[in-house]
Amino acid sequence: MKRKFAFIGAGSLEFTVSLARDILSYEVFDDAEFALMDIHESRLGYARNAVEKLIKAGGHSAQVTTTTDRKVALEGADGVLITILQGGVDVWRHDIEIPKRFGVDVCVGDTRGPSGIFRFLRTAPAMLDIIRDAERLCPNAVILNYTNPMAMLCSYLQKQSRMNITGLCHSVQSTTAMLAEWIGAPLDEVTYKCSGVNHQAFYLDFKWNGQDAYPLLRETILSRPEVFAEEPVCNEMFLHLGYYSTESSGHNSEYNAWFRKRQDLIEKYCIHGTGWNPGKHASILESYLERENTWENTFIQMAKEEKPDLERGDEYAAYIFNAVFGDYTPFGFNGNLQNDGLIDNLPPESCVEVPVLASREGIRPFHAGPLPDHLAILVATTASCENLAVKAAMEGDWMKVYHSILFDPLTSAVLSMGEIKDLTVAMFRQNKDFLTYFKSSP
């Protein structure tokens, strides 16, 4: 049966191409339709050319359509992938620059805290519009969201729709691969249980051939300076908390009060790491600004490659589609879903990241049990702030935005209550054109 895949935000070219490649790697999807949608027509053209090149190189019979109208892309879709960015660099740079003016230093700002919350508030209405269209045009579709901030957006959508919506992030599998490499374990010999919230999930167990690998990991981190230097924040957290967290040191440094509240701590933990994101201020902004003038040349060079990579990658999406409506091979992964009794000691209205099984029966999460008590303090604080931000968006209440930022660990470690209110007001006014759905404003 021919299947249709709608890519909403297909101008994220490298991501679109890798996901299309993975889908095509399954024989059952050989004749699929790829409906690519983006508001940026030139990016859309490059995406089409790249996916058509994949199809030709693999000898597939799949077809590609492109449109700037998401309704056309969504109609009759079996699988929907959402990879949008609401507002360009000129918009979201203020998520990083305004907090810095007030003394809150962040490096990425796409997940939580004042930066992540305002990114969420801008993006939420556009995401809900996509879901409302999907409810009419492809009500049985499997919808996979890759757009950040993951937890808040998924919670916002899952609370307001019965569509099959799951949030995906590659932090679990990428962190697992890194830890396995550090201890010299083949990845296929490593098993784990990981749960929490997106970008702040912890490996509650981590095993190599069925044996606890945490003692070896601790020994490796303590005895090999180059390993500690790769992820200074994550490694420091592991040594003190006893459990390893997903995501990079830069990301993790933003989600607690321990690493970015003073310049000496930033210098010690967030500047000199050798991993992909040690935590330098505004590092993601610098990267995007650099690509503003080079993205087209990059796409042109990609198009000149004689033969594209056809080997299936490790992103979850294609495996999930295949499990649910392909050849039905079950697939286990970590997904972001509502906390309907999944993690006992996190708020029930939270969006949590837990083990999930995709199969012909659909997408079914596993009960993960409670987090260790000390981890629950950290993660429940995160989840509670995110829940309040989601309520703020659903109710249009700007004071709930303020309160969600007021209790953010990093922000509250740096600023007074009054200063946090001033920060919130400044960011709200900067984003006022995106927040017209609010019933109140400062």
Protein backbone atom coordinates (compact mmCIF):
# COMPACT_ATOMS: atom_id res chain seq x y z
CA MET A 1 0.00 0.00 0.00
CA LYS A 2 1.41 3.35 -1.03
CA ARG A 3 2.10 5.62 1.94
CA LYS A 4 2.30 9.40 2.12
CA PHE A 5 4.73 11.30 4.33
CA ALA A 6 4.21 15.01 4.97
CA PHE A 7 7.28 17.04 5.93
CA ILE A 8 6.19 20.31 7.56
CA GLY A 9 9.29 22.49 7.61
CA ALA A 10 11.08 20.63 4.83
CA GLY A 11 13.49 23.54 4.35
CA SER A 12 15.55 22.00 7.16
CA LEU A 13 17.36 20.33 4.29
CA GLU A 14 19.89 18.05 5.97
CA PHE A 15 17.26 16.75 8.38
CA THR A 16 14.67 16.28 5.62
CA VAL A 17 17.13 14.36 3.45
CA SER A 18 18.28 12.08 6.27
CA LEU A 19 14.70 11.28 7.32
CA ALA A 20 13.64 10.63 3.70
CA ARG A 21 16.67 8.38 3.24
CA ASP A 22 15.75 6.38 6.34
CA ILE A 23 12.16 5.94 5.18
CA LEU A 24 13.29 4.78 1.74
CA SER A 25 15.58 2.21 3.32
CA TYR A 26 12.47 0.14 4.05
CA GLU A 27 11.28 -1.82 1.04
CA VAL A 28 7.66 -1.37 2.08
CA PHE A 29 8.01 2.39 1.49
CA ASP A 30 9.68 2.09 -1.93
CA ASP A 31 6.74 3.77 -3.70
CA ALA A 32 6.01 6.37 -1.02
CA GLU A 33 4.96 9.95 -1.68
CA PHE A 34 7.05 12.62 0.00
CA ALA A 35 4.98 15.79 0.37
CA LEU A 36 7.49 18.52 1.24
CA MET A 37 6.11 21.76 2.68
CA ASP A 38 7.93 24.94 3.66
CA ILE A 39 7.22 28.66 3.50
CA HIS A 40 10.71 29.29 2.06
CA GLU A 41 10.40 28.43 -1.63
CA SER A 42 14.08 28.38 -2.48
CA ARG A 43 14.88 26.03 0.40
CA LEU A 44 11.95 23.89 -0.69
CA GLY A 45 13.41 23.63 -4.18
CA TYR A 46 16.74 22.41 -2.83
CA ALA A 47 14.93 19.89 -0.62
CA ARG A 48 13.02 18.52 -3.59
CA ASN A 49 16.18 18.13 -5.66
CA ALA A 50 17.97 16.38 -2.82
CA VAL A 51 15.15 13.90 -2.13
CA GLU A 52 14.72 13.18 -5.86
CA LYS A 53 18.45 12.48 -6.01
CA LEU A 54 18.05 9.98 -3.15
CA ILE A 55 15.20 8.27 -4.97
CA LYS A 56 17.17 7.98 -8.20
CA ALA A 57 20.33 6.76 -6.47
CA GLY A 58 18.42 4.05 -4.65
CA GLY A 59 16.37 3.00 -7.66
CA HIS A 60 13.12 3.71 -5.84
CA SER A 61 9.72 4.46 -7.39
CA ALA A 62 8.80 7.06 -4.77
CA GLN A 63 7.49 10.48 -5.78
CA VAL A 64 8.12 13.98 -4.44
CA THR A 65 5.67 16.86 -4.32
CA THR A 66 6.35 20.33 -2.96
CA THR A 67 4.02 23.03 -1.69
CA THR A 68 3.91 26.13 0.48
CA ASP A 69 0.40 25.16 1.58
CA ARG A 70 0.52 22.76 4.52
CA LYS A 71 -3.06 21.61 3.90
CA VAL A 72 -1.99 20.16 0.55
CA ALA A 73 0.90 18.34 2.20
CA LEU A 74 -1.20 17.01 5.07
CA GLU A 75 -4.17 15.72 3.09
CA GLY A 76 -4.25 11.94 3.32
CA ALA A 77 -0.85 11.68 5.01
CA ASP A 78 0.02 8.51 6.91
CA GLY A 79 3.04 10.02 8.62
CA VAL A 80 3.71 13.67 9.50
CA LEU A 81 7.10 15.10 10.47
CA ILE A 82 7.22 18.59 12.00
CA THR A 83 10.54 20.45 11.93
CA ILE A 84 9.54 24.11 11.92
CA LEU A 85 11.18 27.25 13.28
CA GLN A 86 8.80 30.10 14.06
CA GLY A 87 10.72 33.26 13.24
CA GLY A 88 14.22 33.59 11.87
CA VAL A 89 17.46 34.43 13.60
CA ASP A 90 16.46 38.10 13.73
CA VAL A 91 13.55 37.05 15.97
CA TRP A 92 14.94 34.38 18.28
CA ARG A 93 18.34 36.02 18.84
CA HIS A 94 16.54 38.16 21.43
CA ASP A 95 15.78 35.00 23.42
CA ILE A 96 19.50 34.90 24.18
CA GLU A 97 20.45 38.57 24.08
CA ILE A 98 17.75 39.97 26.41
CA PRO A 99 18.45 37.55 29.27
CA LYS A 100 22.16 38.32 28.91
CA ARG A 101 21.44 42.03 29.39
CA PHE A 102 19.84 41.12 32.70
CA GLY A 103 22.72 38.82 33.69
CA VAL A 104 21.36 35.40 32.64
CA ASP A 105 23.91 33.73 30.38
CA VAL A 106 22.71 30.95 28.05
CA CYS A 107 24.31 29.17 25.13
CA VAL A 108 21.42 27.52 23.24
CA GLY A 109 18.14 28.68 24.79
CA ASP A 110 15.86 26.31 22.87
CA THR A 111 14.45 24.16 25.67
CA ARG A 112 13.43 25.95 28.89
CA GLY A 113 14.13 28.98 31.06
CA PRO A 114 13.19 32.43 29.73
CA SER A 115 14.73 31.71 26.33
CA GLY A 116 12.95 28.39 25.82
CA ILE A 117 9.66 29.65 27.22
CA PHE A 118 9.41 32.55 24.79
CA ARG A 119 10.45 30.29 21.92
CA PHE A 120 7.57 28.04 22.98
CA LEU A 121 5.08 30.92 23.23
CA ARG A 122 5.92 32.06 19.69
CA THR A 123 5.72 28.57 18.24
CA ALA A 124 2.66 27.19 20.04
CA PRO A 125 -0.07 28.82 17.88
CA ALA A 126 1.60 27.74 14.63
CA MET A 127 1.95 24.18 15.89
CA LEU A 128 -1.68 24.04 16.99
CA ASP A 129 -2.76 25.28 13.55
CA ILE A 130 -0.84 22.37 12.00
CA ILE A 131 -2.56 19.90 14.32
CA ARG A 132 -6.02 21.36 13.67
CA ASP A 133 -5.44 20.93 9.92
CA ALA A 134 -4.21 17.38 10.51
CA GLU A 135 -7.34 16.55 12.52
CA ARG A 136 -9.40 17.29 9.40
CA LEU A 137 -7.09 16.11 6.65
CA CYS A 138 -5.23 13.08 8.08
CA PRO A 139 -6.94 12.15 11.36
CA ASN A 140 -5.26 8.73 11.58
CA ALA A 141 -1.72 9.93 10.87
CA VAL A 142 1.25 9.26 13.11
CA ILE A 143 2.62 12.71 13.94
CA LEU A 144 6.25 13.01 15.01
CA ASN A 145 7.49 16.35 16.30
CA TYR A 146 11.15 17.35 16.22
CA THR A 147 10.56 21.05 16.95
CA ASN A 148 11.87 22.54 20.19
CA PRO A 149 11.11 23.27 22.93
CA MET A 150 10.00 19.65 22.82
CA ALA A 151 8.34 19.11 26.20
CA MET A 152 6.29 22.32 26.25
CA LEU A 153 5.15 22.05 22.64
CA CYS A 154 4.17 18.39 22.93
CA SER A 155 2.35 19.02 26.20
CA TYR A 156 0.49 21.97 24.67
CA LEU A 157 -0.61 19.89 21.67
CA GLN A 158 -1.34 16.65 23.51
CA LYS A 159 -3.58 18.48 25.98
CA GLN A 160 -5.70 19.91 23.16
CA SER A 161 -5.88 17.14 20.58
CA ARG A 162 -6.52 13.40 20.41
CA MET A 163 -4.16 13.06 17.43
CA ASN A 164 -1.35 10.53 17.71
CA ILE A 165 1.44 12.99 18.56
CA THR A 166 4.85 11.93 19.83
CA GLY A 167 7.89 14.11 20.44
CA LEU A 168 11.28 12.83 19.27
CA CYS A 169 14.79 13.90 20.19
CA HIS A 170 18.13 12.31 19.35
CA SER A 171 19.73 13.09 22.74
CA VAL A 172 19.08 9.63 24.20
CA GLN A 173 20.67 7.63 21.40
CA SER A 174 23.55 10.08 20.90
CA THR A 175 24.41 10.15 24.62
CA THR A 176 24.21 6.35 24.76
CA ALA A 177 26.66 6.05 21.87
CA MET A 178 29.05 8.49 23.55
CA LEU A 179 29.02 6.63 26.88
CA ALA A 180 29.49 3.28 25.15
CA GLU A 181 32.50 4.62 23.27
CA TRP A 182 34.03 5.96 26.48
CA ILE A 183 33.95 2.58 28.20
CA GLY A 184 34.90 0.64 25.05
CA ALA A 185 31.59 -1.20 24.74
CA PRO A 186 30.09 -2.16 21.38
CA LEU A 187 26.82 -0.28 21.15
CA ASP A 188 24.79 -3.43 20.51
CA GLU A 189 25.97 -4.84 23.84
CA VAL A 190 24.68 -1.84 25.83
CA THR A 191 21.21 -1.71 27.41
CA TYR A 192 19.68 1.03 29.49
CA LYS A 193 16.58 2.47 31.09
CA CYS A 194 16.27 6.22 30.64
CA SER A 195 13.47 8.52 31.82
CA GLY A 196 12.77 12.09 32.88
CA VAL A 197 11.87 15.05 30.68
CA ASN A 198 13.31 16.03 27.32
CA HIS A 199 16.95 17.13 27.55
CA GLN A 200 16.88 16.22 31.25
CA ALA A 201 16.35 12.47 31.28
CA PHE A 202 18.62 10.20 33.32
CA TYR A 203 19.93 6.70 32.71
CA LEU A 204 18.43 4.90 35.70
CA ASP A 205 20.47 1.90 34.70
CA PHE A 206 23.24 1.53 32.15
CA LYS A 207 24.53 -1.97 31.45
CA TRP A 208 27.12 -3.71 29.31
CA ASN A 209 26.23 -7.34 28.59
CA GLY A 210 23.79 -7.27 31.49
CA GLN A 211 26.32 -5.95 34.03
CA ASP A 212 26.12 -2.53 35.68
CA ALA A 213 28.46 -0.30 33.64
CA TYR A 214 28.26 2.73 35.94
CA PRO A 215 31.33 1.75 38.03
CA LEU A 216 33.39 1.48 34.84
CA LEU A 217 32.01 4.77 33.56
CA ARG A 218 32.88 6.51 36.82
CA GLU A 219 36.42 5.06 36.74
CA THR A 220 36.82 6.15 33.12
CA ILE A 221 35.72 9.72 33.82
CA LEU A 222 37.99 10.03 36.86
CA SER A 223 41.06 8.44 35.29
CA ARG A 224 41.00 9.91 31.80
CA PRO A 225 41.16 13.73 31.71
CA GLU A 226 40.26 13.80 28.01
CA VAL A 227 36.97 12.04 28.77
CA PHE A 228 36.06 14.46 31.56
CA ALA A 229 36.98 17.38 29.29
CA GLU A 230 34.60 16.24 26.57
CA GLU A 231 31.51 16.89 28.71
CA PRO A 232 32.55 18.76 31.89
CA VAL A 233 29.03 19.68 33.04
CA CYS A 234 27.46 16.28 32.39
CA ASN A 235 30.39 14.48 33.99
CA GLU A 236 30.35 16.70 37.06
CA MET A 237 26.64 16.06 37.45
CA PHE A 238 27.19 12.31 37.14
CA LEU A 239 29.91 12.30 39.79
CA HIS A 240 27.64 14.11 42.25
CA LEU A 241 24.22 12.70 41.34
CA GLY A 242 25.17 9.13 40.51
CA TYR A 243 23.18 9.01 37.27
CA TYR A 244 24.10 10.27 33.81
CA SER A 245 21.93 12.83 32.04
CA THR A 246 21.11 13.06 28.36
CA GLU A 247 22.16 16.00 26.18
CA SER A 248 25.30 18.10 25.97
CA SER A 249 27.11 20.01 28.69
CA GLY A 250 26.00 23.30 27.18
CA HIS A 251 22.36 22.32 27.31
CA ASN A 252 22.57 20.90 30.83
CA SER A 253 24.37 23.96 32.14
CA GLU A 254 21.22 26.01 31.48
CA TYR A 255 18.82 23.74 33.39
CA ASN A 256 20.10 24.08 36.96
CA ALA A 257 21.69 26.59 39.32
CA TRP A 258 25.17 25.06 39.49
CA PHE A 259 27.18 26.07 36.42
CA ARG A 260 26.21 29.45 34.92
CA LYS A 261 25.35 31.75 37.84
CA ARG A 262 28.89 33.17 38.12
CA GLN A 263 31.52 33.99 35.53
CA ASP A 264 34.15 31.85 37.27
CA LEU A 265 31.82 28.82 37.03
CA ILE A 266 31.15 29.52 33.37
CA GLU A 267 34.88 29.73 32.77
CA LYS A 268 35.51 26.48 34.64
CA TYR A 269 32.72 24.34 33.19
CA CYS A 270 31.29 25.96 30.06
CA ILE A 271 34.11 27.32 27.91
CA HIS A 272 36.84 24.73 27.48
CA GLY A 273 34.94 21.49 26.95
CA THR A 274 35.88 19.55 23.85
CA GLY A 275 32.41 18.20 23.03
CA TRP A 276 30.14 19.61 20.35
CA ASN A 277 28.46 22.07 22.75
CA PRO A 278 30.52 22.91 25.83
CA GLY A 279 28.37 25.92 26.75
CA LYS A 280 29.91 29.07 25.33
CA HIS A 281 27.51 32.01 25.50
CA ALA A 282 25.26 32.30 22.44
CA SER A 283 27.10 29.51 20.64
CA ILE A 284 24.01 28.41 18.73
CA LEU A 285 23.28 32.01 17.70
CA GLU A 286 26.81 32.41 16.37
CA SER A 287 26.41 29.20 14.39
CA TYR A 288 23.12 30.30 12.82
CA LEU A 289 24.42 33.78 12.00
CA GLU A 290 27.39 32.20 10.28
CA ARG A 291 25.08 30.02 8.19
CA GLU A 292 22.77 32.89 7.23
CA ASN A 293 25.05 33.80 4.34
CA THR A 294 26.40 30.33 3.60
CA TRP A 295 23.39 27.98 3.69
CA GLU A 296 22.75 28.20 -0.05
CA ASN A 297 26.35 27.38 -0.93
CA THR A 298 26.15 24.42 1.44
CA PHE A 299 23.01 23.17 -0.31
CA ILE A 300 24.62 23.63 -3.71
CA GLN A 301 27.62 21.58 -2.63
CA MET A 302 25.32 18.85 -1.32
CA ALA A 303 23.61 18.76 -4.71
CA LYS A 304 26.96 18.27 -6.44
CA GLU A 305 27.77 15.11 -4.50
CA GLU A 306 27.90 12.26 -6.98
CA LYS A 307 26.19 9.69 -4.81
CA PRO A 308 24.21 10.45 -1.66
CA ASP A 309 24.51 8.33 1.46
CA LEU A 310 21.83 5.63 1.33
CA GLU A 311 22.61 3.89 4.63
CA ARG A 312 19.88 4.09 7.27
CA GLY A 313 20.71 6.37 10.19
CA ASP A 314 19.71 6.24 13.85
CA GLU A 315 16.92 8.82 13.97
CA TYR A 316 13.78 7.18 15.33
CA ALA A 317 11.18 8.42 12.83
CA ALA A 318 11.48 5.85 10.03
CA TYR A 319 11.70 2.97 12.49
CA ILE A 320 8.47 4.16 14.11
CA PHE A 321 6.60 4.56 10.84
CA ASN A 322 7.75 1.11 9.77
CA ALA A 323 6.61 -0.42 13.06
CA VAL A 324 3.15 1.15 12.96
CA PHE A 325 2.22 0.91 9.25
CA GLY A 326 5.18 -0.58 7.36
CA ASP A 327 6.40 -4.14 7.80
CA TYR A 328 5.35 -3.96 11.47
CA THR A 329 8.75 -4.73 13.00
CA PRO A 330 8.36 -3.48 16.60
CA PHE A 331 10.67 -0.67 17.65
CA GLY A 332 11.56 0.56 21.12
CA PHE A 333 12.64 4.14 21.70
CA ASN A 334 12.35 7.06 24.11
CA GLY A 335 9.46 9.40 23.28
CA ASN A 336 7.79 12.46 24.74
CA LEU A 337 4.23 11.87 25.95
CA GLN A 338 1.85 13.02 28.66
CA ASN A 339 2.62 11.69 32.12
CA ASP A 340 -0.43 9.48 32.51
CA GLY A 341 1.08 7.56 35.41
CA LEU A 342 4.36 6.95 33.58
CA ILE A 343 6.75 8.56 36.11
CA ASP A 344 5.22 8.35 39.57
CA ASN A 345 6.91 11.32 41.21
CA LEU A 346 6.58 13.89 38.43
CA PRO A 347 3.48 16.08 38.00
CA PRO A 348 0.73 14.20 36.11
CA GLU A 349 0.20 17.05 33.64
CA SER A 350 3.86 16.95 32.56
CA CYS A 351 5.23 15.83 29.23
CA VAL A 352 7.82 13.16 30.06
CA GLU A 353 10.44 11.28 28.08
CA VAL A 354 10.08 7.54 28.70
CA PRO A 355 10.61 4.17 27.01
CA VAL A 356 8.02 3.56 24.30
CA LEU A 357 7.20 0.66 21.97
CA ALA A 358 5.96 1.28 18.43
CA SER A 359 4.15 -1.62 16.74
CA ARG A 360 1.08 -2.37 14.63
CA GLU A 361 -0.86 -1.68 17.86
CA GLY A 362 0.33 1.92 17.81
CA ILE A 363 2.67 3.85 20.11
CA ARG A 364 2.57 2.60 23.70
CA PRO A 365 4.66 4.03 26.56
CA PHE A 366 5.97 1.94 29.44
CA HIS A 367 5.52 2.72 33.11
CA ALA A 368 8.96 4.00 34.12
CA GLY A 369 8.31 4.10 37.87
CA PRO A 370 9.65 6.85 40.13
CA LEU A 371 12.85 8.77 39.63
CA PRO A 372 15.35 8.60 42.50
CA ASP A 373 14.29 11.16 45.08
CA HIS A 374 17.12 13.62 44.50
CA LEU A 375 16.66 13.54 40.72
CA ALA A 376 12.93 14.06 41.17
CA ILE A 377 13.59 17.38 42.94
CA LEU A 378 15.52 18.65 39.92
CA VAL A 379 13.26 17.23 37.22
CA ALA A 380 9.97 18.05 38.96
CA THR A 381 11.07 21.68 39.23
CA THR A 382 11.76 21.70 35.50
CA ALA A 383 8.46 20.01 34.71
CA SER A 384 6.47 22.35 36.97
CA CYS A 385 7.92 25.45 35.31
CA GLU A 386 7.12 23.99 31.89
CA ASN A 387 3.58 23.10 32.95
CA LEU A 388 2.98 26.66 34.09
CA ALA A 389 4.25 28.03 30.77
CA VAL A 390 1.87 25.69 28.92
CA LYS A 391 -1.02 26.90 31.06
CA ALA A 392 0.03 30.48 30.32
CA ALA A 393 -0.26 29.82 26.59
CA MET A 394 -3.56 27.97 26.87
CA GLU A 395 -5.12 30.64 29.08
CA GLY A 396 -3.41 33.68 27.57
CA ASP A 397 -2.18 34.78 31.00
CA TRP A 398 1.08 36.71 30.99
CA MET A 399 1.49 36.51 34.78
CA LYS A 400 1.78 32.74 34.47
CA VAL A 401 4.62 33.35 32.01
CA TYR A 402 6.34 35.46 34.65
CA HIS A 403 5.80 32.85 37.35
CA SER A 404 7.10 30.05 35.14
CA ILE A 405 10.34 32.01 34.70
CA LEU A 406 10.42 33.11 38.35
CA PHE A 407 11.11 29.57 39.50
CA ASP A 408 13.55 28.64 36.72
CA PRO A 409 16.66 27.41 38.59
CA LEU A 410 19.28 29.38 36.65
CA THR A 411 17.27 32.60 36.39
CA SER A 412 16.34 32.58 40.08
CA ALA A 413 19.97 31.91 41.04
CA VAL A 414 21.05 35.09 39.25
CA LEU A 415 18.18 37.58 39.54
CA SER A 416 15.80 38.94 42.17
CA MET A 417 12.04 38.56 41.81
CA GLY A 418 11.69 42.13 40.56
CA GLU A 419 14.50 41.68 38.07
CA ILE A 420 12.90 38.50 36.74
CA LYS A 421 9.64 40.38 36.26
CA ASP A 422 11.46 43.13 34.36
CA LEU A 423 13.14 40.47 32.21
CA THR A 424 9.79 38.85 31.46
CA VAL A 425 8.22 42.18 30.52
CA ALA A 426 11.13 43.03 28.21
CA MET A 427 10.87 39.67 26.44
CA PHE A 428 7.09 39.86 26.21
CA ARG A 429 7.27 43.29 24.57
CA GLN A 430 9.98 42.12 22.18
CA ASN A 431 7.71 39.25 21.09
CA LYS A 432 4.39 41.10 21.18
CA ASP A 433 3.65 40.52 17.49
CA PHE A 434 3.68 36.75 18.12
CA LEU A 435 1.67 36.92 21.34
CA THR A 436 -1.56 38.53 20.17
CA TYR A 437 -3.47 35.47 21.42
CA PHE A 438 -2.76 36.48 25.02
CA LYS A 439 -5.72 37.92 26.91
CA SER A 440 -3.44 39.96 29.15
CA SER A 441 -0.09 41.66 28.70
CA PRO A 442 2.33 43.63 30.87
